[in-house]
């Protein structure tokens, strides 16, 4: 298996960037299109555990569009072969309490319809001094 094939890495980097743009602009249709439309898709959020595409789409539809801008730090994208990848990043928002940092991890799968998030985890932690 090839780890971080340059072409595959470029594809996932581009779709990750598209996800970030959709997230911060609250483009719900684009966000929905980037998740695998399956009952097997899971997203653990800061305050919610979402099982299946339907729960994820319902969460997105009801989410407030306020305060979504953020800065990313230490983003790592790793591809495994040509059809699977992970994307991990830290994020900060102006609205976050001092000393906190957000963490996001996604598992991406190449499907016939393109790259899709099949699992995601978002959390916020307190940084230790």
C-alpha atoms as a PDB file:
ATOM      1  CA  UNK A   1       0.000   0.000   0.000  1.00  0.00           C
ATOM      2  CA  UNK A   2       1.246   3.453  -0.879  1.00  0.00           C
ATOM      3  CA  UNK A   3       1.021   6.045   1.888  1.00  0.00           C
ATOM      4  CA  UNK A   4       0.545   9.650   0.732  1.00  0.00           C
ATOM      5  CA  UNK A   5       0.590   9.071  -3.001  1.00  0.00           C
ATOM      6  CA  UNK A   6       0.991  12.647  -4.299  1.00  0.00           C
ATOM      7  CA  UNK A   7      -2.031  12.533  -6.627  1.00  0.00           C
ATOM      8  CA  UNK A   8      -4.343  11.025  -4.023  1.00  0.00           C
ATOM      9  CA  UNK A   9      -3.053  13.414  -1.363  1.00  0.00           C
ATOM     10  CA  UNK A  10      -3.753  16.380  -3.656  1.00  0.00           C
ATOM     11  CA  UNK A  11      -7.319  15.144  -4.250  1.00  0.00           C
ATOM     12  CA  UNK A  12      -8.064  14.746  -0.547  1.00  0.00           C
ATOM     13  CA  UNK A  13      -6.417  18.067   0.280  1.00  0.00           C
ATOM     14  CA  UNK A  14      -8.701  19.751  -2.252  1.00  0.00           C
ATOM     15  CA  UNK A  15     -11.866  18.114  -0.943  1.00  0.00           C
ATOM     16  CA  UNK A  16     -10.817  18.921   2.641  1.00  0.00           C
ATOM     17  CA  UNK A  17     -10.417  22.578   1.615  1.00  0.00           C
ATOM     18  CA  UNK A  18     -13.855  22.465  -0.028  1.00  0.00           C
ATOM     19  CA  UNK A  19     -15.285  21.072   3.214  1.00  0.00           C
ATOM     20  CA  UNK A  20     -13.698  23.892   5.218  1.00  0.00           C
ATOM     21  CA  UNK A  21     -15.134  26.518   2.846  1.00  0.00           C
ATOM     22  CA  UNK A  22     -18.582  24.928   3.041  1.00  0.00           C
ATOM     23  CA  UNK A  23     -18.385  24.712   6.835  1.00  0.00           C
ATOM     24  CA  UNK A  24     -17.369  28.307   7.469  1.00  0.00           C
ATOM     25  CA  UNK A  25     -19.890  29.669   4.949  1.00  0.00           C
ATOM     26  CA  UNK A  26     -22.664  27.363   6.244  1.00  0.00           C
ATOM     27  CA  UNK A  27     -23.224  25.865   2.792  1.00  0.00           C
ATOM     28  CA  UNK A  28     -25.439  23.059   4.068  1.00  0.00           C
ATOM     29  CA  UNK A  29     -26.015  21.517   0.637  1.00  0.00           C
ATOM     30  CA  UNK A  30     -22.263  21.262   0.002  1.00  0.00           C
ATOM     31  CA  UNK A  31     -21.657  19.830   3.483  1.00  0.00           C
ATOM     32  CA  UNK A  32     -24.379  17.229   2.964  1.00  0.00           C
ATOM     33  CA  UNK A  33     -22.872  16.307  -0.412  1.00  0.00           C
ATOM     34  CA  UNK A  34     -19.480  15.696   1.203  1.00  0.00           C
ATOM     35  CA  UNK A  35     -20.809  13.079   3.637  1.00  0.00           C
ATOM     36  CA  UNK A  36     -21.421   9.481   2.577  1.00  0.00           C
ATOM     37  CA  UNK A  37     -25.219   9.061   2.317  1.00  0.00           C
ATOM     38  CA  UNK A  38     -25.327   5.904   4.422  1.00  0.00           C
ATOM     39  CA  UNK A  39     -26.716   4.673   7.715  1.00  0.00           C
ATOM     40  CA  UNK A  40     -23.105   3.646   8.472  1.00  0.00           C
ATOM     41  CA  UNK A  41     -21.832   7.241   8.510  1.00  0.00           C
ATOM     42  CA  UNK A  42     -21.069   8.592  11.994  1.00  0.00           C
ATOM     43  CA  UNK A  43     -20.288  12.067  13.283  1.00  0.00           C
ATOM     44  CA  UNK A  44     -19.414  12.672  16.914  1.00  0.00           C
ATOM     45  CA  UNK A  45     -19.712  16.381  17.587  1.00  0.00           C
ATOM     46  CA  UNK A  46     -19.024  18.695  20.467  1.00  0.00           C
ATOM     47  CA  UNK A  47     -22.465  18.134  21.933  1.00  0.00           C
ATOM     48  CA  UNK A  48     -24.036  15.440  19.787  1.00  0.00           C
ATOM     49  CA  UNK A  49     -23.579  11.839  18.630  1.00  0.00           C
ATOM     50  CA  UNK A  50     -24.988  11.435  15.139  1.00  0.00           C
ATOM     51  CA  UNK A  51     -25.565   8.009  13.632  1.00  0.00           C
ATOM     52  CA  UNK A  52     -26.398   7.822   9.946  1.00  0.00           C
ATOM     53  CA  UNK A  53     -26.551  10.363   7.174  1.00  0.00           C
ATOM     54  CA  UNK A  54     -30.097  11.420   8.130  1.00  0.00           C
ATOM     55  CA  UNK A  55     -29.111  12.505  11.645  1.00  0.00           C
ATOM     56  CA  UNK A  56     -26.058  14.337  10.308  1.00  0.00           C
ATOM     57  CA  UNK A  57     -28.104  16.174   7.660  1.00  0.00           C
ATOM     58  CA  UNK A  58     -30.755  17.132  10.234  1.00  0.00           C
ATOM     59  CA  UNK A  59     -28.058  18.538  12.526  1.00  0.00           C
ATOM     60  CA  UNK A  60     -26.578  20.601   9.699  1.00  0.00           C
ATOM     61  CA  UNK A  61     -30.007  21.942   8.717  1.00  0.00           C
ATOM     62  CA  UNK A  62     -30.663  23.150  12.255  1.00  0.00           C
ATOM     63  CA  UNK A  63     -27.233  24.528  13.091  1.00  0.00           C
ATOM     64  CA  UNK A  64     -26.812  28.257  13.651  1.00  0.00           C
ATOM     65  CA  UNK A  65     -24.783  29.977  10.915  1.00  0.00           C
ATOM     66  CA  UNK A  66     -23.294  32.427  13.445  1.00  0.00           C
ATOM     67  CA  UNK A  67     -19.653  32.257  14.487  1.00  0.00           C
ATOM     68  CA  UNK A  68     -18.444  29.547  12.135  1.00  0.00           C
ATOM     69  CA  UNK A  69     -15.207  31.279  11.080  1.00  0.00           C
ATOM     70  CA  UNK A  70     -12.135  29.561  12.415  1.00  0.00           C
ATOM     71  CA  UNK A  71      -8.435  29.181  11.901  1.00  0.00           C
ATOM     72  CA  UNK A  72      -6.821  25.808  11.379  1.00  0.00           C
ATOM     73  CA  UNK A  73      -3.535  24.610  12.782  1.00  0.00           C
ATOM     74  CA  UNK A  74      -1.447  21.443  12.440  1.00  0.00           C
ATOM     75  CA  UNK A  75      -3.601  19.937   9.687  1.00  0.00           C
ATOM     76  CA  UNK A  76      -2.407  16.463   8.728  1.00  0.00           C
ATOM     77  CA  UNK A  77      -3.841  14.574   5.771  1.00  0.00           C
ATOM     78  CA  UNK A  78      -2.702  10.983   5.298  1.00  0.00           C
ATOM     79  CA  UNK A  79      -3.777   8.782   2.421  1.00  0.00           C
ATOM     80  CA  UNK A  80      -3.771   4.995   2.502  1.00  0.00           C
ATOM     81  CA  UNK A  81      -3.695   3.576  -1.002  1.00  0.00           C
ATOM     82  CA  UNK A  82      -5.845   5.479  -3.474  1.00  0.00           C
ATOM     83  CA  UNK A  83      -9.260   5.160  -1.818  1.00  0.00           C
ATOM     84  CA  UNK A  84      -8.942   5.965   1.915  1.00  0.00           C
ATOM     85  CA  UNK A  85      -7.612   8.929   3.868  1.00  0.00           C
ATOM     86  CA  UNK A  86      -7.733  10.670   7.219  1.00  0.00           C
ATOM     87  CA  UNK A  87      -7.718  14.413   7.854  1.00  0.00           C
ATOM     88  CA  UNK A  88      -6.909  15.776  11.305  1.00  0.00           C
ATOM     89  CA  UNK A  89      -6.719  19.405  12.351  1.00  0.00           C
ATOM     90  CA  UNK A  90      -6.829  21.735  15.302  1.00  0.00           C
ATOM     91  CA  UNK A  91      -9.059  24.800  15.111  1.00  0.00           C
ATOM     92  CA  UNK A  92      -9.715  27.996  16.995  1.00  0.00           C
ATOM     93  CA  UNK A  93     -12.657  30.381  16.873  1.00  0.00           C
ATOM     94  CA  UNK A  94     -12.873  33.927  18.213  1.00  0.00           C
ATOM     95  CA  UNK A  95     -15.809  32.805  20.353  1.00  0.00           C
ATOM     96  CA  UNK A  96     -13.841  30.024  22.042  1.00  0.00           C
ATOM     97  CA  UNK A  97     -12.813  30.413  25.632  1.00  0.00           C
ATOM     98  CA  UNK A  98      -9.136  31.294  26.161  1.00  0.00           C
ATOM     99  CA  UNK A  99      -7.021  28.164  26.589  1.00  0.00           C
ATOM    100  CA  UNK A 100      -9.358  25.941  24.548  1.00  0.00           C
ATOM    101  CA  UNK A 101      -8.677  24.308  21.207  1.00  0.00           C
ATOM    102  CA  UNK A 102     -10.946  22.386  18.875  1.00  0.00           C
ATOM    103  CA  UNK A 103      -9.977  19.086  17.296  1.00  0.00           C
ATOM    104  CA  UNK A 104     -11.444  17.562  14.161  1.00  0.00           C
ATOM    105  CA  UNK A 105     -10.784  14.192  12.579  1.00  0.00           C
ATOM    106  CA  UNK A 106     -12.363  12.806   9.437  1.00  0.00           C
ATOM    107  CA  UNK A 107     -12.109   9.519   7.584  1.00  0.00           C
ATOM    108  CA  UNK A 108     -12.543   9.980   3.828  1.00  0.00           C
ATOM    109  CA  UNK A 109     -13.466   7.240   1.344  1.00  0.00           C
ATOM    110  CA  UNK A 110     -13.350   7.407  -2.447  1.00  0.00           C
ATOM    111  CA  UNK A 111     -16.785   6.375  -3.715  1.00  0.00           C
ATOM    112  CA  UNK A 112     -18.152   6.252  -7.265  1.00  0.00           C
ATOM    113  CA  UNK A 113     -19.614   9.716  -6.519  1.00  0.00           C
ATOM    114  CA  UNK A 114     -16.294  11.101  -5.283  1.00  0.00           C
ATOM    115  CA  UNK A 115     -14.585  11.527  -1.909  1.00  0.00           C
ATOM    116  CA  UNK A 116     -16.971  11.335   1.074  1.00  0.00           C
ATOM    117  CA  UNK A 117     -16.603  11.639   4.844  1.00  0.00           C
ATOM    118  CA  UNK A 118     -17.582   8.292   6.368  1.00  0.00           C
ATOM    119  CA  UNK A 119     -16.677   9.115   9.974  1.00  0.00           C
ATOM    120  CA  UNK A 120     -15.969  12.374  11.796  1.00  0.00           C
ATOM    121  CA  UNK A 121     -15.158  13.515  15.312  1.00  0.00           C
ATOM    122  CA  UNK A 122     -15.162  17.077  16.636  1.00  0.00           C
ATOM    123  CA  UNK A 123     -14.233  18.027  20.188  1.00  0.00           C
ATOM    124  CA  UNK A 124     -12.941  20.928  22.240  1.00  0.00           C
ATOM    125  CA  UNK A 125     -10.362  20.518  24.989  1.00  0.00           C
ATOM    126  CA  UNK A 126      -8.558  22.701  27.465  1.00  0.00           C
ATOM    127  CA  UNK A 127      -4.875  23.061  26.660  1.00  0.00           C
ATOM    128  CA  UNK A 128      -2.525  22.185  29.469  1.00  0.00           C
ATOM    129  CA  UNK A 129       0.049  24.813  30.343  1.00  0.00           C
END
